[in-house]
C-alpha atoms as a PDB file:
ATOM      1  CA  UNK A   1     -14.596   9.934 -21.698  1.00  0.00           C
ATOM      2  CA  UNK A   2     -15.729   8.250 -18.318  1.00  0.00           C
ATOM      3  CA  UNK A   3     -16.067  11.300 -15.728  1.00  0.00           C
ATOM      4  CA  UNK A   4     -13.883  10.608 -13.054  1.00  0.00           C
ATOM      5  CA  UNK A   5     -14.961   9.268  -9.720  1.00  0.00           C
ATOM      6  CA  UNK A   6     -12.705  11.324  -7.609  1.00  0.00           C
ATOM      7  CA  UNK A   7     -11.646  14.942  -7.803  1.00  0.00           C
ATOM      8  CA  UNK A   8      -9.170  17.154  -5.825  1.00  0.00           C
ATOM      9  CA  UNK A   9     -10.916  20.179  -4.984  1.00  0.00           C
ATOM     10  CA  UNK A  10      -8.204  22.076  -3.062  1.00  0.00           C
ATOM     11  CA  UNK A  11      -4.398  21.518  -2.611  1.00  0.00           C
ATOM     12  CA  UNK A  12      -2.168  23.019   0.220  1.00  0.00           C
ATOM     13  CA  UNK A  13       1.448  22.483   0.782  1.00  0.00           C
ATOM     14  CA  UNK A  14       4.486  21.140  -1.091  1.00  0.00           C
ATOM     15  CA  UNK A  15       6.576  18.741   0.643  1.00  0.00           C
ATOM     16  CA  UNK A  16       3.485  18.439   3.332  1.00  0.00           C
ATOM     17  CA  UNK A  17       0.528  18.174   1.417  1.00  0.00           C
ATOM     18  CA  UNK A  18      -3.347  18.671   2.260  1.00  0.00           C
ATOM     19  CA  UNK A  19      -5.864  17.899  -0.121  1.00  0.00           C
ATOM     20  CA  UNK A  20      -9.670  18.071   0.039  1.00  0.00           C
ATOM     21  CA  UNK A  21     -10.789  15.061  -2.378  1.00  0.00           C
ATOM     22  CA  UNK A  22     -14.732  15.036  -3.292  1.00  0.00           C
ATOM     23  CA  UNK A  23     -16.585  11.994  -4.603  1.00  0.00           C
ATOM     24  CA  UNK A  24     -18.447  13.096  -7.258  1.00  0.00           C
ATOM     25  CA  UNK A  25     -20.883  10.213  -7.246  1.00  0.00           C
ATOM     26  CA  UNK A  26     -21.913  11.318  -3.799  1.00  0.00           C
ATOM     27  CA  UNK A  27     -20.642  14.749  -2.831  1.00  0.00           C
ATOM     28  CA  UNK A  28     -18.825  13.647   0.159  1.00  0.00           C
ATOM     29  CA  UNK A  29     -15.335  15.468   0.995  1.00  0.00           C
ATOM     30  CA  UNK A  30     -12.347  13.659   1.934  1.00  0.00           C
ATOM     31  CA  UNK A  31      -9.344  15.135   3.482  1.00  0.00           C
ATOM     32  CA  UNK A  32      -5.618  13.496   2.661  1.00  0.00           C
ATOM     33  CA  UNK A  33      -2.593  14.312   4.318  1.00  0.00           C
ATOM     34  CA  UNK A  34       1.001  13.204   2.719  1.00  0.00           C
ATOM     35  CA  UNK A  35       4.328  14.298   4.039  1.00  0.00           C
ATOM     36  CA  UNK A  36       7.464  12.051   3.263  1.00  0.00           C
ATOM     37  CA  UNK A  37       6.522   8.160   2.524  1.00  0.00           C
ATOM     38  CA  UNK A  38       3.181   8.514   4.791  1.00  0.00           C
ATOM     39  CA  UNK A  39      -0.254   8.910   3.566  1.00  0.00           C
ATOM     40  CA  UNK A  40      -3.647   9.282   5.532  1.00  0.00           C
ATOM     41  CA  UNK A  41      -7.031   9.816   4.340  1.00  0.00           C
ATOM     42  CA  UNK A  42     -10.160  10.370   6.476  1.00  0.00           C
ATOM     43  CA  UNK A  43     -13.862  11.299   5.504  1.00  0.00           C
ATOM     44  CA  UNK A  44     -14.575  14.757   6.638  1.00  0.00           C
ATOM     45  CA  UNK A  45     -17.058  15.280   9.289  1.00  0.00           C
ATOM     46  CA  UNK A  46     -19.756  18.224  10.286  1.00  0.00           C
ATOM     47  CA  UNK A  47     -20.705  18.912  13.881  1.00  0.00           C
ATOM     48  CA  UNK A  48     -22.988  16.699  13.916  1.00  0.00           C
ATOM     49  CA  UNK A  49     -20.768  13.504  12.697  1.00  0.00           C
ATOM     50  CA  UNK A  50     -22.447  13.161   9.564  1.00  0.00           C
ATOM     51  CA  UNK A  51     -20.102  13.299   6.414  1.00  0.00           C
ATOM     52  CA  UNK A  52     -19.434  16.804   4.890  1.00  0.00           C
ATOM     53  CA  UNK A  53     -21.338  17.260   1.525  1.00  0.00           C
ATOM     54  CA  UNK A  54     -19.551  19.545  -1.240  1.00  0.00           C
ATOM     55  CA  UNK A  55     -22.166  22.735  -1.038  1.00  0.00           C
ATOM     56  CA  UNK A  56     -21.718  23.249  -4.571  1.00  0.00           C
ATOM     57  CA  UNK A  57     -22.611  19.662  -5.362  1.00  0.00           C
ATOM     58  CA  UNK A  58     -25.715  18.638  -7.555  1.00  0.00           C
ATOM     59  CA  UNK A  59     -26.396  14.752  -7.263  1.00  0.00           C
ATOM     60  CA  UNK A  60     -28.912  15.256 -10.049  1.00  0.00           C
ATOM     61  CA  UNK A  61     -26.320  16.862 -12.473  1.00  0.00           C
ATOM     62  CA  UNK A  62     -23.202  14.504 -11.464  1.00  0.00           C
ATOM     63  CA  UNK A  63     -24.066  11.321 -10.291  1.00  0.00           C
ATOM     64  CA  UNK A  64     -25.040   7.985 -12.245  1.00  0.00           C
ATOM     65  CA  UNK A  65     -27.079   7.065  -9.002  1.00  0.00           C
ATOM     66  CA  UNK A  66     -29.708   9.972  -9.808  1.00  0.00           C
END
């Protein structure tokens, strides 16, 4: 079976939900927030403004780009 491109690695809340989503090809982390009928999605950034990459992500094992 083909691996999923995106994976939810953290989830908080029921009615108002925050999720951290990892791109399994790059390791980049995204934050999703949903409440009611609304949803927002953004890339998570470090203090330097660069996208956060999951520390446990190994591009050599997970990415078809390697």
